[in-house]
C-alpha atoms as a PDB file:
ATOM      1  CA  LEU A   1      73.865 -11.264 154.179  1.00  0.00           C
ATOM      2  CA  GLY A   2      70.823 -12.881 152.627  1.00  0.00           C
ATOM      3  CA  THR A   3      68.949 -12.803 155.926  1.00  0.00           C
ATOM      4  CA  ALA A   4      70.302  -9.485 157.257  1.00  0.00           C
ATOM      5  CA  ASN A   5      68.584  -6.114 157.237  1.00  0.00           C
ATOM      6  CA  SER A   6      70.306  -3.105 155.630  1.00  0.00           C
ATOM      7  CA  ASN A   7      71.972  -1.944 158.880  1.00  0.00           C
ATOM      8  CA  GLU A   8      73.325  -5.428 159.579  1.00  0.00           C
ATOM      9  CA  THR A   9      74.540  -5.727 155.986  1.00  0.00           C
ATOM     10  CA  LEU A  10      76.364  -2.401 156.236  1.00  0.00           C
ATOM     11  CA  TYR A  11      77.964  -3.493 159.523  1.00  0.00           C
ATOM     12  CA  VAL A  12      79.175  -6.786 158.003  1.00  0.00           C
ATOM     13  CA  LEU A  13      80.515  -5.122 154.847  1.00  0.00           C
ATOM     14  CA  LYS A  14      82.406  -2.528 156.896  1.00  0.00           C
ATOM     15  CA  ALA A  15      83.897  -5.306 159.023  1.00  0.00           C
ATOM     16  CA  LEU A  16      84.967  -7.258 155.917  1.00  0.00           C
ATOM     17  CA  ILE A  17      86.525  -4.155 154.346  1.00  0.00           C
ATOM     18  CA  GLY A  18      88.398  -3.347 157.547  1.00  0.00           C
ATOM     19  CA  ARG A  19      89.670  -6.887 157.930  1.00  0.00           C
ATOM     20  CA  GLY A  20      90.613  -7.071 154.254  1.00  0.00           C
ATOM     21  CA  LYS A  21      92.638  -3.845 154.484  1.00  0.00           C
ATOM     22  CA  ALA A  22      94.429  -5.067 157.610  1.00  0.00           C
ATOM     23  CA  LEU A  23      95.287  -8.393 155.980  1.00  0.00           C
ATOM     24  CA  ALA A  24      96.381  -6.748 152.710  1.00  0.00           C
ATOM     25  CA  ALA A  25      98.885  -4.656 154.665  1.00  0.00           C
ATOM     26  CA  GLU A  26     100.726  -7.804 155.773  1.00  0.00           C
ATOM     27  CA  PRO A  27     103.914  -8.250 153.686  1.00  0.00           C
ATOM     28  CA  GLN A  28     103.287 -11.928 152.902  1.00  0.00           C
ATOM     29  CA  VAL A  29      99.754 -11.310 151.580  1.00  0.00           C
ATOM     30  CA  ARG A  30      99.435 -10.793 147.832  1.00  0.00           C
ATOM     31  CA  GLN A  31      95.729 -11.567 147.363  1.00  0.00           C
ATOM     32  CA  VAL A  32      92.668 -11.320 149.616  1.00  0.00           C
ATOM     33  CA  LEU A  33      89.547 -13.347 148.819  1.00  0.00           C
ATOM     34  CA  PHE A  34      86.090 -12.815 150.318  1.00  0.00           C
ATOM     35  CA  ILE A  35      83.690 -15.758 150.260  1.00  0.00           C
ATOM     36  CA  LYS A  36      80.039 -15.769 151.286  1.00  0.00           C
ATOM     37  CA  GLN A  37      78.421 -19.120 152.012  1.00  0.00           C
ATOM     38  CA  TYR A  38      74.909 -20.095 152.901  1.00  0.00           C
ATOM     39  CA  GLY A  39      73.853 -23.667 153.518  1.00  0.00           C
ATOM     40  CA  LEU A  40      75.199 -27.058 152.595  1.00  0.00           C
ATOM     41  CA  LEU A  41      74.772 -26.605 148.816  1.00  0.00           C
ATOM     42  CA  SER A  42      77.305 -23.749 148.849  1.00  0.00           C
ATOM     43  CA  GLY A  43      79.938 -26.045 150.292  1.00  0.00           C
ATOM     44  CA  GLY A  44      79.622 -24.573 153.746  1.00  0.00           C
ATOM     45  CA  SER A  45      79.464 -26.703 156.841  1.00  0.00           C
ATOM     46  CA  LEU A  46      77.260 -24.193 158.709  1.00  0.00           C
ATOM     47  CA  VAL A  47      73.573 -23.783 157.898  1.00  0.00           C
ATOM     48  CA  HIS A  48      73.469 -20.034 158.647  1.00  0.00           C
ATOM     49  CA  PRO A  49      74.875 -17.466 156.192  1.00  0.00           C
ATOM     50  CA  HIS A  50      78.507 -16.631 156.882  1.00  0.00           C
ATOM     51  CA  SER A  51      81.519 -15.097 155.188  1.00  0.00           C
ATOM     52  CA  GLN A  52      85.152 -16.049 155.119  1.00  0.00           C
ATOM     53  CA  VAL A  53      88.289 -14.074 154.344  1.00  0.00           C
ATOM     54  CA  ILE A  54      91.171 -15.973 152.795  1.00  0.00           C
ATOM     55  CA  THR A  55      94.648 -14.676 151.962  1.00  0.00           C
ATOM     56  CA  LEU A  56      97.156 -16.016 149.469  1.00  0.00           C
ATOM     57  CA  PRO A  57     100.910 -15.380 149.303  1.00  0.00           C
ATOM     58  CA  ILE A  58     100.637 -15.203 145.481  1.00  0.00           C
ATOM     59  CA  VAL A  59      98.484 -13.502 142.876  1.00  0.00           C
ATOM     60  CA  SER A  60      96.560 -16.275 141.133  1.00  0.00           C
ATOM     61  CA  PRO A  61      97.214 -16.618 137.385  1.00  0.00           C
ATOM     62  CA  ASP A  62      93.562 -15.817 136.644  1.00  0.00           C
ATOM     63  CA  LEU A  63      93.625 -12.579 138.627  1.00  0.00           C
ATOM     64  CA  GLU A  64      96.994 -11.613 137.162  1.00  0.00           C
ATOM     65  CA  LYS A  65      95.580 -12.093 133.652  1.00  0.00           C
ATOM     66  CA  ARG A  66      92.516  -9.974 134.515  1.00  0.00           C
ATOM     67  CA  ILE A  67      94.705  -7.209 135.939  1.00  0.00           C
ATOM     68  CA  ASN A  68      96.916  -7.232 132.842  1.00  0.00           C
ATOM     69  CA  CYS A  69      93.911  -7.143 130.503  1.00  0.00           C
ATOM     70  CA  ALA A  70      92.389  -4.260 132.450  1.00  0.00           C
ATOM     71  CA  ALA A  71      95.681  -2.341 132.308  1.00  0.00           C
ATOM     72  CA  GLU A  72      95.966  -2.929 128.542  1.00  0.00           C
ATOM     73  CA  PHE A  73      92.368  -1.786 128.017  1.00  0.00           C
ATOM     74  CA  TYR A  74      93.011   1.384 130.010  1.00  0.00           C
ATOM     75  CA  ALA A  75      96.249   2.056 128.099  1.00  0.00           C
ATOM     76  CA  THR A  76      94.548   1.736 124.709  1.00  0.00           C
ATOM     77  CA  GLU A  77      91.063   3.098 125.482  1.00  0.00           C
ATOM     78  CA  GLY A  78      91.868   5.633 128.202  1.00  0.00           C
ATOM     79  CA  GLN A  79      89.128   4.359 130.497  1.00  0.00           C
ATOM     80  CA  CYS A  80      88.285   1.569 132.913  1.00  0.00           C
ATOM     81  CA  ALA A  81      86.984  -1.628 131.279  1.00  0.00           C
ATOM     82  CA  ALA A  82      84.488  -2.270 134.091  1.00  0.00           C
ATOM     83  CA  CYS A  83      83.093   1.273 133.864  1.00  0.00           C
ATOM     84  CA  ARG A  84      82.625   0.908 130.137  1.00  0.00           C
ATOM     85  CA  THR A  85      81.151  -2.601 130.296  1.00  0.00           C
ATOM     86  CA  LEU A  86      78.909  -2.202 133.341  1.00  0.00           C
ATOM     87  CA  VAL A  87      77.910   1.474 133.121  1.00  0.00           C
ATOM     88  CA  GLN A  88      78.536   3.214 129.805  1.00  0.00           C
ATOM     89  CA  ASP A  89      77.596   0.441 127.359  1.00  0.00           C
ATOM     90  CA  PRO A  90      74.256  -0.432 129.054  1.00  0.00           C
ATOM     91  CA  LEU A  91      73.334   3.284 129.074  1.00  0.00           C
ATOM     92  CA  GLY A  92      73.974   3.525 125.343  1.00  0.00           C
ATOM     93  CA  SER A  93      71.658   2.628 122.487  1.00  0.00           C
ATOM     94  CA  GLY A  94      73.462  -0.520 121.308  1.00  0.00           C
ATOM     95  CA  PRO A  95      72.863  -4.199 122.128  1.00  0.00           C
ATOM     96  CA  SER A  96      74.358  -3.792 125.623  1.00  0.00           C
ATOM     97  CA  ARG A  97      71.282  -1.729 126.540  1.00  0.00           C
ATOM     98  CA  ALA A  98      69.493  -5.081 127.096  1.00  0.00           C
ATOM     99  CA  ARG A  99      71.720  -5.634 130.173  1.00  0.00           C
ATOM    100  CA  LEU A 100      70.403  -2.518 131.920  1.00  0.00           C
ATOM    101  CA  VAL A 101      68.417  -3.534 135.011  1.00  0.00           C
ATOM    102  CA  TYR A 102      67.951  -0.226 136.836  1.00  0.00           C
ATOM    103  CA  GLU A 103      69.148   3.344 136.463  1.00  0.00           C
ATOM    104  CA  THR A 104      69.008   6.499 138.564  1.00  0.00           C
ATOM    105  CA  GLU A 105      70.976   9.725 138.415  1.00  0.00           C
ATOM    106  CA  ARG A 106      73.757   8.171 140.552  1.00  0.00           C
ATOM    107  CA  PHE A 107      73.328   4.416 140.194  1.00  0.00           C
ATOM    108  CA  VAL A 108      73.347   1.846 137.391  1.00  0.00           C
ATOM    109  CA  ALA A 109      72.664  -1.880 137.736  1.00  0.00           C
ATOM    110  CA  SER A 110      73.443  -4.013 134.709  1.00  0.00           C
END
């Protein structure tokens, strides 16, 4: 994706989403991982940018812990932890404001 234009990037992302949904529908698949590699330093054997889709028959302990923490946060706070951390807090006036990179009416990068 690092060398693709916006149309090519959209095409690749749509393909990855479609493939991920198809794989996730398989009964033996519990987790779908998307990996983007570029060059030898990323661990890839190909020099051009490429992506891989990997499935696991289990939910990794790390992901399970993250899911549980997110569910607990939602149960106690009544909102999504990612929305609060990545959108609401950086738009506020507290110390998280320093994480704000860019903001428009419909988009926040933090």
